[in-house]
Amino acid sequence: MEEKVFPMTLEGKAKLEDEIHELKTVKRKEVVERIKIARGFGDLSENSEYDAAKDEQAFVEGRITTLENMVRNAQIINSSEAATDIISIGKTVTFKELPAGDEETYTIVGSAEADPFKGLISNDSPIAKALLGHKVDEQVTVPTPGGDIEVLITGLKA
């Protein structure tokens, strides 16, 4: 079975690697210490601190595995190598909802880097999927749960 490829920028890959390092060197040790302390409280069958620490340990280990898989299968996107006038991963696009919506600006990134609150949207999001491959001054239909919306692409930069 073929593993999923995770498109991302070099900066995004570095952030994931930093998180892996933090989880392995700091968080893992903190959780092990919490488990040791909780064991000292006695009967493990009724020890909520122990259960919570074990749950956190499972989460940390699962997150490490997920991040390592993403880094291992990273496909580095260099937006400066793509055509300068076509929307692609790694580029920042500005558009406005028609007929008279406000302008919005987002950078399209791989799903591993997405953070809509910081203006980074996943290439798998409906907005990004609709915009990819288009150019400035094009009108694009974006499917949303509330119905399709029309947007006009007003700007693009690498």
N, C-alpha and C. Protein backbone atom coordinates (compact mmCIF):
# COMPACT_ATOMS: atom_id res chain seq x y z
N MET A 1 0.84 -1.18 0.00
CA MET A 1 0.00 0.00 0.00
C MET A 1 0.88 1.24 0.00
N GLU A 2 0.54 2.19 -0.85
CA GLU A 2 1.33 3.40 -0.99
C GLU A 2 1.02 4.38 0.14
N GLU A 3 2.07 4.97 0.72
CA GLU A 3 1.88 5.92 1.82
C GLU A 3 1.48 7.28 1.27
N LYS A 4 0.69 7.99 2.06
CA LYS A 4 0.24 9.32 1.67
C LYS A 4 1.41 10.29 1.68
N VAL A 5 1.45 11.16 0.68
CA VAL A 5 2.48 12.20 0.59
C VAL A 5 1.91 13.46 1.23
N PHE A 6 2.75 14.17 1.98
CA PHE A 6 2.33 15.38 2.67
C PHE A 6 3.06 16.58 2.08
N PRO A 7 2.39 17.34 1.19
CA PRO A 7 3.05 18.53 0.65
C PRO A 7 3.23 19.57 1.75
N MET A 8 4.42 20.18 1.80
CA MET A 8 4.68 21.22 2.80
C MET A 8 5.90 22.03 2.39
N THR A 9 6.01 23.19 2.98
CA THR A 9 7.17 24.04 2.75
C THR A 9 8.31 23.57 3.64
N LEU A 10 9.51 24.06 3.36
CA LEU A 10 10.65 23.74 4.22
C LEU A 10 10.41 24.22 5.64
N GLU A 11 9.80 25.40 5.78
CA GLU A 11 9.51 25.94 7.10
C GLU A 11 8.52 25.04 7.84
N GLY A 12 7.53 24.55 7.14
CA GLY A 12 6.55 23.66 7.75
C GLY A 12 7.18 22.36 8.21
N LYS A 13 8.08 21.82 7.41
CA LYS A 13 8.78 20.59 7.80
C LYS A 13 9.64 20.85 9.04
N ALA A 14 10.30 21.99 9.08
CA ALA A 14 11.14 22.32 10.23
C ALA A 14 10.30 22.45 11.50
N LYS A 15 9.10 23.03 11.39
CA LYS A 15 8.22 23.14 12.55
C LYS A 15 7.80 21.77 13.07
N LEU A 16 7.50 20.85 12.16
CA LEU A 16 7.14 19.50 12.57
C LEU A 16 8.31 18.81 13.25
N GLU A 17 9.50 18.99 12.70
CA GLU A 17 10.69 18.40 13.31
C GLU A 17 10.94 18.97 14.70
N ASP A 18 10.70 20.27 14.86
CA ASP A 18 10.84 20.89 16.18
C ASP A 18 9.83 20.32 17.17
N GLU A 19 8.60 20.12 16.71
CA GLU A 19 7.58 19.55 17.59
C GLU A 19 7.94 18.12 18.00
N ILE A 20 8.45 17.33 17.05
CA ILE A 20 8.89 15.97 17.37
C ILE A 20 9.97 16.01 18.45
N HIS A 21 10.94 16.89 18.27
CA HIS A 21 12.03 17.02 19.24
C HIS A 21 11.48 17.39 20.61
N GLU A 22 10.57 18.35 20.67
CA GLU A 22 9.97 18.78 21.93
C GLU A 22 9.22 17.63 22.60
N LEU A 23 8.44 16.90 21.82
CA LEU A 23 7.68 15.78 22.37
C LEU A 23 8.60 14.69 22.92
N LYS A 24 9.67 14.41 22.20
CA LYS A 24 10.57 13.33 22.61
C LYS A 24 11.46 13.71 23.80
N THR A 25 11.91 14.94 23.82
CA THR A 25 12.89 15.32 24.84
C THR A 25 12.26 15.95 26.09
N VAL A 26 11.12 16.58 25.96
CA VAL A 26 10.51 17.27 27.10
C VAL A 26 9.21 16.58 27.53
N LYS A 27 8.25 16.54 26.63
CA LYS A 27 6.91 16.06 26.99
C LYS A 27 6.93 14.59 27.43
N ARG A 28 7.68 13.76 26.72
CA ARG A 28 7.76 12.34 27.06
C ARG A 28 8.26 12.16 28.50
N LYS A 29 9.30 12.91 28.88
CA LYS A 29 9.87 12.81 30.22
C LYS A 29 8.88 13.30 31.27
N GLU A 30 8.15 14.38 30.97
CA GLU A 30 7.15 14.89 31.90
C GLU A 30 6.06 13.85 32.17
N VAL A 31 5.61 13.18 31.12
CA VAL A 31 4.54 12.19 31.27
C VAL A 31 5.04 10.99 32.07
N VAL A 32 6.25 10.54 31.80
CA VAL A 32 6.82 9.41 32.56
C VAL A 32 6.90 9.78 34.04
N GLU A 33 7.28 11.00 34.34
CA GLU A 33 7.36 11.45 35.74
C GLU A 33 5.97 11.48 36.37
N ARG A 34 4.97 11.93 35.64
CA ARG A 34 3.60 11.94 36.15
C ARG A 34 3.11 10.53 36.45
N ILE A 35 3.49 9.58 35.60
CA ILE A 35 3.09 8.18 35.82
C ILE A 35 3.75 7.65 37.09
N LYS A 36 5.02 7.97 37.28
CA LYS A 36 5.73 7.53 38.49
C LYS A 36 5.05 8.07 39.75
N ILE A 37 4.72 9.35 39.73
CA ILE A 37 4.08 9.98 40.88
C ILE A 37 2.71 9.35 41.14
N ALA A 38 1.95 9.14 40.07
CA ALA A 38 0.60 8.57 40.21
C ALA A 38 0.65 7.15 40.74
N ARG A 39 1.67 6.39 40.37
CA ARG A 39 1.81 5.02 40.89
C ARG A 39 1.96 5.04 42.41
N GLY A 40 2.56 6.08 42.92
CA GLY A 40 2.76 6.19 44.35
C GLY A 40 1.48 6.43 45.13
N PHE A 41 0.39 6.75 44.44
CA PHE A 41 -0.88 6.99 45.11
C PHE A 41 -1.62 5.71 45.47
N GLY A 42 -1.07 4.57 45.09
CA GLY A 42 -1.67 3.30 45.50
C GLY A 42 -2.41 2.59 44.39
N ASP A 43 -3.53 1.98 44.73
CA ASP A 43 -4.32 1.11 43.86
C ASP A 43 -4.52 1.74 42.48
N LEU A 44 -3.94 1.11 41.45
CA LEU A 44 -4.01 1.67 40.09
C LEU A 44 -5.40 1.52 39.47
N SER A 45 -6.20 0.58 39.97
CA SER A 45 -7.53 0.36 39.38
C SER A 45 -8.48 1.52 39.65
N GLU A 46 -8.21 2.32 40.67
CA GLU A 46 -9.08 3.46 41.00
C GLU A 46 -8.27 4.75 41.08
N ASN A 47 -7.25 4.85 40.28
CA ASN A 47 -6.32 5.98 40.34
C ASN A 47 -6.50 6.85 39.10
N SER A 48 -7.27 7.93 39.23
CA SER A 48 -7.57 8.78 38.07
C SER A 48 -6.33 9.52 37.56
N GLU A 49 -5.41 9.87 38.46
CA GLU A 49 -4.17 10.53 38.03
C GLU A 49 -3.35 9.61 37.13
N TYR A 50 -3.29 8.34 37.52
CA TYR A 50 -2.56 7.35 36.73
C TYR A 50 -3.22 7.18 35.36
N ASP A 51 -4.54 7.05 35.35
CA ASP A 51 -5.27 6.89 34.09
C ASP A 51 -5.05 8.09 33.17
N ALA A 52 -5.10 9.29 33.74
CA ALA A 52 -4.90 10.50 32.94
C ALA A 52 -3.49 10.56 32.38
N ALA A 53 -2.51 10.20 33.19
CA ALA A 53 -1.11 10.21 32.73
C ALA A 53 -0.89 9.17 31.64
N LYS A 54 -1.50 8.00 31.77
CA LYS A 54 -1.37 6.96 30.74
C LYS A 54 -2.05 7.41 29.44
N ASP A 55 -3.19 8.08 29.56
CA ASP A 55 -3.87 8.60 28.38
C ASP A 55 -3.00 9.64 27.68
N GLU A 56 -2.39 10.52 28.46
CA GLU A 56 -1.52 11.54 27.89
C GLU A 56 -0.31 10.89 27.22
N GLN A 57 0.23 9.84 27.84
CA GLN A 57 1.36 9.13 27.25
C GLN A 57 0.97 8.54 25.89
N ALA A 58 -0.21 7.95 25.82
CA ALA A 58 -0.68 7.38 24.54
C ALA A 58 -0.83 8.48 23.49
N PHE A 59 -1.36 9.65 23.90
CA PHE A 59 -1.51 10.76 22.97
C PHE A 59 -0.15 11.23 22.46
N VAL A 60 0.81 11.41 23.36
CA VAL A 60 2.15 11.89 22.98
C VAL A 60 2.80 10.91 22.02
N GLU A 61 2.74 9.61 22.33
CA GLU A 61 3.37 8.61 21.46
C GLU A 61 2.68 8.56 20.10
N GLY A 62 1.35 8.70 20.10
CA GLY A 62 0.62 8.72 18.83
C GLY A 62 0.97 9.94 18.00
N ARG A 63 1.11 11.08 18.65
CA ARG A 63 1.47 12.32 17.95
C ARG A 63 2.86 12.21 17.36
N ILE A 64 3.80 11.63 18.11
CA ILE A 64 5.16 11.44 17.60
C ILE A 64 5.13 10.58 16.35
N THR A 65 4.40 9.48 16.40
CA THR A 65 4.30 8.58 15.25
C THR A 65 3.71 9.29 14.04
N THR A 66 2.64 10.05 14.27
CA THR A 66 1.99 10.78 13.18
C THR A 66 2.94 11.79 12.55
N LEU A 67 3.61 12.58 13.40
CA LEU A 67 4.53 13.60 12.88
C LEU A 67 5.71 12.99 12.15
N GLU A 68 6.26 11.91 12.69
CA GLU A 68 7.39 11.25 12.02
C GLU A 68 6.98 10.73 10.65
N ASN A 69 5.76 10.22 10.54
CA ASN A 69 5.25 9.76 9.25
C ASN A 69 5.12 10.92 8.28
N MET A 70 4.61 12.05 8.77
CA MET A 70 4.46 13.23 7.91
C MET A 70 5.81 13.73 7.41
N VAL A 71 6.80 13.78 8.30
CA VAL A 71 8.13 14.25 7.92
C VAL A 71 8.77 13.27 6.94
N ARG A 72 8.62 11.98 7.22
CA ARG A 72 9.20 10.95 6.35
C ARG A 72 8.62 11.00 4.94
N ASN A 73 7.34 11.34 4.85
CA ASN A 73 6.66 11.36 3.54
C ASN A 73 6.40 12.78 3.05
N ALA A 74 7.22 13.72 3.52
CA ALA A 74 7.06 15.12 3.11
C ALA A 74 7.46 15.31 1.65
N GLN A 75 6.68 16.10 0.97
CA GLN A 75 7.02 16.53 -0.39
C GLN A 75 7.21 18.04 -0.29
N ILE A 76 8.44 18.49 -0.39
CA ILE A 76 8.74 19.90 -0.20
C ILE A 76 8.26 20.70 -1.41
N ILE A 77 7.46 21.71 -1.12
CA ILE A 77 6.91 22.58 -2.15
C ILE A 77 7.71 23.87 -2.15
N ASN A 78 8.21 24.23 -3.30
CA ASN A 78 8.94 25.48 -3.45
C ASN A 78 8.11 26.36 -4.38
N SER A 79 7.37 27.30 -3.81
CA SER A 79 6.45 28.11 -4.61
C SER A 79 7.18 28.98 -5.63
N SER A 80 8.47 29.26 -5.41
CA SER A 80 9.19 30.09 -6.37
C SER A 80 9.50 29.34 -7.66
N GLU A 81 9.40 28.00 -7.63
CA GLU A 81 9.63 27.21 -8.84
C GLU A 81 8.38 27.08 -9.69
N ALA A 82 7.22 27.35 -9.11
CA ALA A 82 5.96 27.24 -9.84
C ALA A 82 5.76 28.49 -10.70
N ALA A 83 4.84 28.38 -11.65
CA ALA A 83 4.51 29.52 -12.49
C ALA A 83 4.08 30.68 -11.59
N THR A 84 4.56 31.87 -11.89
CA THR A 84 4.32 33.02 -11.01
C THR A 84 2.89 33.54 -11.07
N ASP A 85 2.15 33.23 -12.14
CA ASP A 85 0.80 33.79 -12.28
C ASP A 85 -0.32 32.79 -11.99
N ILE A 86 0.04 31.57 -11.54
CA ILE A 86 -0.96 30.53 -11.29
C ILE A 86 -0.97 30.18 -9.80
N ILE A 87 -2.15 30.09 -9.21
CA ILE A 87 -2.27 29.74 -7.79
C ILE A 87 -1.83 28.30 -7.58
N SER A 88 -0.91 28.12 -6.62
CA SER A 88 -0.41 26.80 -6.29
C SER A 88 -0.06 26.76 -4.81
N ILE A 89 0.27 25.58 -4.31
CA ILE A 89 0.65 25.43 -2.91
C ILE A 89 1.87 26.29 -2.63
N GLY A 90 1.83 26.97 -1.50
CA GLY A 90 2.93 27.84 -1.10
C GLY A 90 2.73 29.29 -1.46
N LYS A 91 1.71 29.58 -2.25
CA LYS A 91 1.46 30.97 -2.66
C LYS A 91 0.37 31.60 -1.81
N THR A 92 0.43 32.92 -1.73
CA THR A 92 -0.55 33.69 -0.98
C THR A 92 -1.52 34.32 -1.97
N VAL A 93 -2.79 34.07 -1.75
CA VAL A 93 -3.82 34.53 -2.68
C VAL A 93 -4.81 35.45 -1.95
N THR A 94 -5.19 36.51 -2.63
CA THR A 94 -6.19 37.44 -2.11
C THR A 94 -7.41 37.37 -3.03
N PHE A 95 -8.59 37.31 -2.42
CA PHE A 95 -9.82 37.25 -3.20
C PHE A 95 -10.92 37.95 -2.44
N LYS A 96 -11.98 38.28 -3.16
CA LYS A 96 -13.14 38.85 -2.48
C LYS A 96 -14.39 38.12 -2.95
N GLU A 97 -15.29 37.96 -1.99
CA GLU A 97 -16.55 37.30 -2.28
C GLU A 97 -17.43 38.26 -3.06
N LEU A 98 -18.05 37.76 -4.09
CA LEU A 98 -18.94 38.59 -4.91
C LEU A 98 -20.37 38.46 -4.39
N PRO A 99 -21.18 39.47 -4.47
CA PRO A 99 -20.96 40.68 -5.22
C PRO A 99 -20.14 41.74 -4.48
N ALA A 100 -20.23 41.83 -3.14
CA ALA A 100 -19.56 42.95 -2.48
C ALA A 100 -18.94 42.54 -1.15
N GLY A 101 -18.25 41.42 -1.14
CA GLY A 101 -17.65 40.95 0.10
C GLY A 101 -16.31 41.60 0.39
N ASP A 102 -15.84 41.39 1.61
CA ASP A 102 -14.52 41.90 1.99
C ASP A 102 -13.43 41.05 1.35
N GLU A 103 -12.25 41.65 1.18
CA GLU A 103 -11.11 40.89 0.68
C GLU A 103 -10.57 40.00 1.79
N GLU A 104 -10.14 38.82 1.40
CA GLU A 104 -9.51 37.88 2.32
C GLU A 104 -8.21 37.42 1.68
N THR A 105 -7.20 37.17 2.53
CA THR A 105 -5.91 36.72 2.04
C THR A 105 -5.50 35.47 2.81
N TYR A 106 -5.09 34.44 2.07
CA TYR A 106 -4.64 33.19 2.67
C TYR A 106 -3.43 32.67 1.92
N THR A 107 -2.60 31.95 2.64
CA THR A 107 -1.51 31.21 2.01
C THR A 107 -1.94 29.75 1.96
N ILE A 108 -1.81 29.15 0.79
CA ILE A 108 -2.20 27.75 0.61
C ILE A 108 -1.00 26.88 0.95
N VAL A 109 -1.20 26.00 1.91
CA VAL A 109 -0.13 25.11 2.37
C VAL A 109 -0.64 23.68 2.40
N GLY A 110 0.26 22.74 2.66
CA GLY A 110 -0.14 21.35 2.82
C GLY A 110 -0.93 21.19 4.11
N SER A 111 -1.67 20.11 4.22
CA SER A 111 -2.54 19.91 5.38
C SER A 111 -1.76 19.86 6.69
N ALA A 112 -0.50 19.45 6.65
CA ALA A 112 0.31 19.37 7.87
C ALA A 112 0.60 20.75 8.45
N GLU A 113 0.57 21.79 7.63
CA GLU A 113 0.92 23.14 8.08
C GLU A 113 -0.29 24.04 8.31
N ALA A 114 -1.47 23.58 7.93
CA ALA A 114 -2.66 24.44 7.94
C ALA A 114 -2.95 25.02 9.33
N ASP A 115 -3.26 26.29 9.35
CA ASP A 115 -3.68 27.00 10.57
C ASP A 115 -4.49 28.21 10.11
N PRO A 116 -5.80 28.01 9.90
CA PRO A 116 -6.63 29.09 9.37
C PRO A 116 -6.57 30.38 10.17
N PHE A 117 -6.36 30.27 11.50
CA PHE A 117 -6.30 31.48 12.33
C PHE A 117 -5.06 32.31 12.03
N LYS A 118 -4.06 31.69 11.40
CA LYS A 118 -2.86 32.41 11.00
C LYS A 118 -2.84 32.66 9.49
N GLY A 119 -3.96 32.41 8.82
CA GLY A 119 -4.05 32.67 7.39
C GLY A 119 -3.45 31.57 6.53
N LEU A 120 -3.27 30.38 7.09
CA LEU A 120 -2.70 29.24 6.35
C LEU A 120 -3.80 28.21 6.14
N ILE A 121 -4.23 28.02 4.88
CA ILE A 121 -5.29 27.05 4.63
C ILE A 121 -4.73 25.84 3.89
N SER A 122 -5.31 24.69 4.19
CA SER A 122 -4.89 23.43 3.60
C SER A 122 -5.25 23.36 2.12
N ASN A 123 -4.36 22.74 1.37
CA ASN A 123 -4.64 22.51 -0.04
C ASN A 123 -5.83 21.58 -0.23
N ASP A 124 -6.24 20.88 0.85
CA ASP A 124 -7.40 19.99 0.80
C ASP A 124 -8.70 20.70 1.14
N SER A 125 -8.63 21.98 1.55
CA SER A 125 -9.84 22.72 1.92
C SER A 125 -10.64 23.06 0.66
N PRO A 126 -11.95 23.22 0.79
CA PRO A 126 -12.77 23.58 -0.38
C PRO A 126 -12.32 24.87 -1.06
N ILE A 127 -11.94 25.87 -0.26
CA ILE A 127 -11.51 27.15 -0.85
C ILE A 127 -10.25 26.94 -1.68
N ALA A 128 -9.26 26.28 -1.10
CA ALA A 128 -7.99 26.08 -1.81
C ALA A 128 -8.19 25.21 -3.05
N LYS A 129 -8.96 24.14 -2.91
CA LYS A 129 -9.21 23.27 -4.07
C LYS A 129 -9.81 24.06 -5.24
N ALA A 130 -10.73 24.97 -4.90
CA ALA A 130 -11.38 25.76 -5.95
C ALA A 130 -10.41 26.76 -6.58
N LEU A 131 -9.49 27.32 -5.78
CA LEU A 131 -8.59 28.36 -6.27
C LEU A 131 -7.38 27.82 -7.02
N LEU A 132 -6.89 26.64 -6.63
CA LEU A 132 -5.67 26.09 -7.24
C LEU A 132 -5.79 26.03 -8.76
N GLY A 133 -4.74 26.50 -9.43
CA GLY A 133 -4.69 26.47 -10.89
C GLY A 133 -5.27 27.69 -11.57
N HIS A 134 -5.88 28.59 -10.80
CA HIS A 134 -6.47 29.79 -11.39
C HIS A 134 -5.51 30.97 -11.32
N LYS A 135 -5.92 32.08 -11.95
CA LYS A 135 -5.08 33.28 -12.03
C LYS A 135 -5.82 34.50 -11.48
N VAL A 136 -5.06 35.58 -11.27
CA VAL A 136 -5.64 36.85 -10.83
C VAL A 136 -6.66 37.31 -11.87
N ASP A 137 -7.72 37.94 -11.37
CA ASP A 137 -8.84 38.47 -12.17
C ASP A 137 -9.80 37.39 -12.66
N GLU A 138 -9.60 36.15 -12.24
CA GLU A 138 -10.56 35.09 -12.59
C GLU A 138 -11.62 35.01 -11.51
N GLN A 139 -12.83 34.67 -11.94
CA GLN A 139 -13.93 34.44 -11.02
C GLN A 139 -14.06 32.94 -10.82
N VAL A 140 -14.16 32.51 -9.56
CA VAL A 140 -14.15 31.08 -9.23
C VAL A 140 -15.34 30.76 -8.34
N THR A 141 -15.94 29.59 -8.55
CA THR A 141 -17.03 29.12 -7.70
C THR A 141 -16.44 28.24 -6.61
N VAL A 142 -16.74 28.57 -5.36
CA VAL A 142 -16.24 27.81 -4.21
C VAL A 142 -17.41 27.11 -3.54
N PRO A 143 -17.37 25.77 -3.47
CA PRO A 143 -18.46 25.06 -2.79
C PRO A 143 -18.31 25.20 -1.27
N THR A 144 -19.41 25.54 -0.60
CA THR A 144 -19.40 25.63 0.86
C THR A 144 -20.62 24.86 1.38
N PRO A 145 -20.62 24.51 2.66
CA PRO A 145 -21.78 23.81 3.22
C PRO A 145 -23.09 24.59 3.07
N GLY A 146 -23.00 25.92 3.05
CA GLY A 146 -24.18 26.75 2.91
C GLY A 146 -24.55 27.05 1.46
N GLY A 147 -23.85 26.46 0.52
CA GLY A 147 -24.10 26.71 -0.90
C GLY A 147 -22.88 27.32 -1.55
N ASP A 148 -22.85 27.29 -2.86
CA ASP A 148 -21.71 27.82 -3.60
C ASP A 148 -21.62 29.33 -3.47
N ILE A 149 -20.38 29.82 -3.43
CA ILE A 149 -20.14 31.27 -3.45
C ILE A 149 -19.21 31.58 -4.61
N GLU A 150 -19.34 32.78 -5.11
CA GLU A 150 -18.48 33.25 -6.19
C GLU A 150 -17.43 34.18 -5.60
N VAL A 151 -16.16 33.98 -6.00
CA VAL A 151 -15.09 34.86 -5.56
C VAL A 151 -14.32 35.37 -6.75
N LEU A 152 -13.74 36.55 -6.60
CA LEU A 152 -12.89 37.13 -7.61
C LEU A 152 -11.48 37.17 -7.05
N ILE A 153 -10.55 36.56 -7.75
CA ILE A 153 -9.15 36.55 -7.31
C ILE A 153 -8.55 37.92 -7.63
N THR A 154 -8.04 38.59 -6.59
CA THR A 154 -7.54 39.96 -6.77
C THR A 154 -6.04 40.09 -6.61
N GLY A 155 -5.38 39.08 -6.05
CA GLY A 155 -3.94 39.18 -5.86
C GLY A 155 -3.29 37.83 -5.66
N LEU A 156 -1.99 37.76 -5.99
CA LEU A 156 -1.25 36.51 -5.85
C LEU A 156 0.22 36.85 -5.66
N LYS A 157 0.84 36.23 -4.66
CA LYS A 157 2.29 36.40 -4.49
C LYS A 157 2.90 35.11 -3.95
N ALA A 158 4.17 34.94 -4.25
CA ALA A 158 4.89 33.73 -3.84
C ALA A 158 5.27 33.80 -2.40
